[in-house]
Amino acid sequence: MILAVFGMTMCVLIVQGRAQDRLARLERKLDALLKHQGIDLNSQLPPEITELLRQGKKIEAIKLYRETTGVGLAQAKDQVETIERGESPALPG
């Protein structure tokens, strides 16, 4: 019984890892397409978000991103970290 549970857990983790890899690949492709078309999603966000990041106020930047886009905390954090790395955030929704 324990081996069966362990085996199922390993299968779930493998599938989840593959899904995360596929998502990361899709995000890189989307970033490349946006860049090729000259679309900068950062320009559609309030410049205050970037300014807050420059000031080291990441939490405030996440709060403002949430207020602006209506996304949840985890997604806002991920997107603000994407902006912080200099990449284009994904479209909310």
C-alpha atoms as a PDB file:
ATOM      1  CA  MET A   1       0.000   0.000   0.000  1.00  0.00           C
ATOM      2  CA  ILE A   2       2.765   2.414   0.944  1.00  0.00           C
ATOM      3  CA  LEU A   3       4.618   1.628  -2.274  1.00  0.00           C
ATOM      4  CA  ALA A   4       1.481   2.331  -4.308  1.00  0.00           C
ATOM      5  CA  VAL A   5       1.006   5.716  -2.643  1.00  0.00           C
ATOM      6  CA  PHE A   6       4.683   6.509  -3.150  1.00  0.00           C
ATOM      7  CA  GLY A   7       4.477   5.495  -6.804  1.00  0.00           C
ATOM      8  CA  MET A   8       1.395   7.622  -7.420  1.00  0.00           C
ATOM      9  CA  THR A   9       3.018  10.593  -5.702  1.00  0.00           C
ATOM     10  CA  MET A  10       6.082  10.263  -7.915  1.00  0.00           C
ATOM     11  CA  CYS A  11       3.881  10.105 -11.041  1.00  0.00           C
ATOM     12  CA  VAL A  12       2.025  13.248 -10.011  1.00  0.00           C
ATOM     13  CA  LEU A  13       5.292  15.087  -9.356  1.00  0.00           C
ATOM     14  CA  ILE A  14       6.700  14.059 -12.728  1.00  0.00           C
ATOM     15  CA  VAL A  15       3.570  15.188 -14.580  1.00  0.00           C
ATOM     16  CA  GLN A  16       3.499  18.455 -12.637  1.00  0.00           C
ATOM     17  CA  GLY A  17       7.162  19.094 -13.464  1.00  0.00           C
ATOM     18  CA  ARG A  18       6.526  18.513 -17.160  1.00  0.00           C
ATOM     19  CA  ALA A  19       3.567  20.917 -17.085  1.00  0.00           C
ATOM     20  CA  GLN A  20       5.717  23.585 -15.448  1.00  0.00           C
ATOM     21  CA  ASP A  21       8.424  23.081 -18.081  1.00  0.00           C
ATOM     22  CA  ARG A  22       5.865  23.412 -20.880  1.00  0.00           C
ATOM     23  CA  LEU A  23       4.441  26.577 -19.309  1.00  0.00           C
ATOM     24  CA  ALA A  24       7.911  28.100 -18.997  1.00  0.00           C
ATOM     25  CA  ARG A  25       8.592  27.311 -22.682  1.00  0.00           C
ATOM     26  CA  LEU A  26       5.298  28.906 -23.704  1.00  0.00           C
ATOM     27  CA  GLU A  27       6.066  32.014 -21.665  1.00  0.00           C
ATOM     28  CA  ARG A  28       9.482  32.343 -23.332  1.00  0.00           C
ATOM     29  CA  LYS A  29       7.862  31.989 -26.754  1.00  0.00           C
ATOM     30  CA  LEU A  30       5.258  34.609 -25.872  1.00  0.00           C
ATOM     31  CA  ASP A  31       7.981  36.973 -24.665  1.00  0.00           C
ATOM     32  CA  ALA A  32       9.852  36.460 -27.958  1.00  0.00           C
ATOM     33  CA  LEU A  33       6.702  37.133 -30.012  1.00  0.00           C
ATOM     34  CA  LEU A  34       5.890  40.266 -28.035  1.00  0.00           C
ATOM     35  CA  LYS A  35       9.433  41.532 -28.425  1.00  0.00           C
ATOM     36  CA  HIS A  36       9.401  40.778 -32.169  1.00  0.00           C
ATOM     37  CA  GLN A  37       6.158  42.745 -32.567  1.00  0.00           C
ATOM     38  CA  GLY A  38       7.492  45.621 -30.455  1.00  0.00           C
ATOM     39  CA  ILE A  39       4.848  45.166 -27.766  1.00  0.00           C
ATOM     40  CA  ASP A  40       5.907  46.165 -24.268  1.00  0.00           C
ATOM     41  CA  LEU A  41       3.360  45.135 -21.662  1.00  0.00           C
ATOM     42  CA  ASN A  42       5.259  47.120 -19.040  1.00  0.00           C
ATOM     43  CA  SER A  43       4.217  50.320 -20.818  1.00  0.00           C
ATOM     44  CA  GLN A  44       0.564  49.401 -20.183  1.00  0.00           C
ATOM     45  CA  LEU A  45       1.097  49.283 -16.426  1.00  0.00           C
ATOM     46  CA  PRO A  46       1.352  52.292 -14.148  1.00  0.00           C
ATOM     47  CA  PRO A  47       4.961  53.548 -14.103  1.00  0.00           C
ATOM     48  CA  GLU A  48       4.666  53.660 -10.316  1.00  0.00           C
ATOM     49  CA  ILE A  49       5.138  49.868 -10.226  1.00  0.00           C
ATOM     50  CA  THR A  50       8.573  50.133 -11.816  1.00  0.00           C
ATOM     51  CA  GLU A  51       9.425  53.106  -9.623  1.00  0.00           C
ATOM     52  CA  LEU A  52       8.452  51.190  -6.480  1.00  0.00           C
ATOM     53  CA  LEU A  53      10.710  48.336  -7.572  1.00  0.00           C
ATOM     54  CA  ARG A  54      13.588  50.785  -8.140  1.00  0.00           C
ATOM     55  CA  GLN A  55      13.053  52.030  -4.589  1.00  0.00           C
ATOM     56  CA  GLY A  56      13.165  48.473  -3.244  1.00  0.00           C
ATOM     57  CA  LYS A  57       9.464  48.525  -2.303  1.00  0.00           C
ATOM     58  CA  LYS A  58       8.483  45.185  -3.783  1.00  0.00           C
ATOM     59  CA  ILE A  59       5.482  44.604  -1.506  1.00  0.00           C
ATOM     60  CA  GLU A  60       3.995  47.980  -2.411  1.00  0.00           C
ATOM     61  CA  ALA A  61       4.609  47.209  -6.102  1.00  0.00           C
ATOM     62  CA  ILE A  62       2.743  43.902  -5.714  1.00  0.00           C
ATOM     63  CA  LYS A  63      -0.164  45.663  -3.997  1.00  0.00           C
ATOM     64  CA  LEU A  64      -0.383  48.248  -6.771  1.00  0.00           C
ATOM     65  CA  TYR A  65      -0.184  45.540  -9.449  1.00  0.00           C
ATOM     66  CA  ARG A  66      -3.069  43.703  -7.760  1.00  0.00           C
ATOM     67  CA  GLU A  67      -5.161  46.874  -7.563  1.00  0.00           C
ATOM     68  CA  THR A  68      -4.446  47.711 -11.207  1.00  0.00           C
ATOM     69  CA  THR A  69      -5.041  44.273 -12.718  1.00  0.00           C
ATOM     70  CA  GLY A  70      -7.362  42.540 -10.248  1.00  0.00           C
ATOM     71  CA  VAL A  71      -5.225  39.379 -10.106  1.00  0.00           C
ATOM     72  CA  GLY A  72      -4.547  37.325  -6.991  1.00  0.00           C
ATOM     73  CA  LEU A  73      -1.559  37.665  -4.696  1.00  0.00           C
ATOM     74  CA  ALA A  74       0.494  34.775  -6.116  1.00  0.00           C
ATOM     75  CA  GLN A  75       0.052  35.908  -9.721  1.00  0.00           C
ATOM     76  CA  ALA A  76       0.790  39.532  -8.825  1.00  0.00           C
ATOM     77  CA  LYS A  77       3.989  38.473  -7.047  1.00  0.00           C
ATOM     78  CA  ASP A  78       5.079  36.376 -10.034  1.00  0.00           C
ATOM     79  CA  GLN A  79       4.362  39.194 -12.478  1.00  0.00           C
ATOM     80  CA  VAL A  80       6.116  41.852 -10.383  1.00  0.00           C
ATOM     81  CA  GLU A  81       9.155  39.568 -10.147  1.00  0.00           C
ATOM     82  CA  THR A  82       8.997  39.183 -13.930  1.00  0.00           C
ATOM     83  CA  ILE A  83       9.006  42.974 -14.294  1.00  0.00           C
ATOM     84  CA  GLU A  84      11.852  43.158 -11.792  1.00  0.00           C
ATOM     85  CA  ARG A  85      13.919  40.829 -14.031  1.00  0.00           C
ATOM     86  CA  GLY A  86      13.258  43.144 -16.978  1.00  0.00           C
ATOM     87  CA  GLU A  87      10.909  40.747 -18.767  1.00  0.00           C
ATOM     88  CA  SER A  88       7.402  41.478 -20.025  1.00  0.00           C
ATOM     89  CA  PRO A  89       4.639  40.295 -17.705  1.00  0.00           C
ATOM     90  CA  ALA A  90       1.894  38.038 -19.011  1.00  0.00           C
ATOM     91  CA  LEU A  91      -1.484  39.538 -19.744  1.00  0.00           C
ATOM     92  CA  PRO A  92      -3.745  39.371 -16.663  1.00  0.00           C
ATOM     93  CA  GLY A  93      -6.760  37.112 -16.775  1.00  0.00           C
END
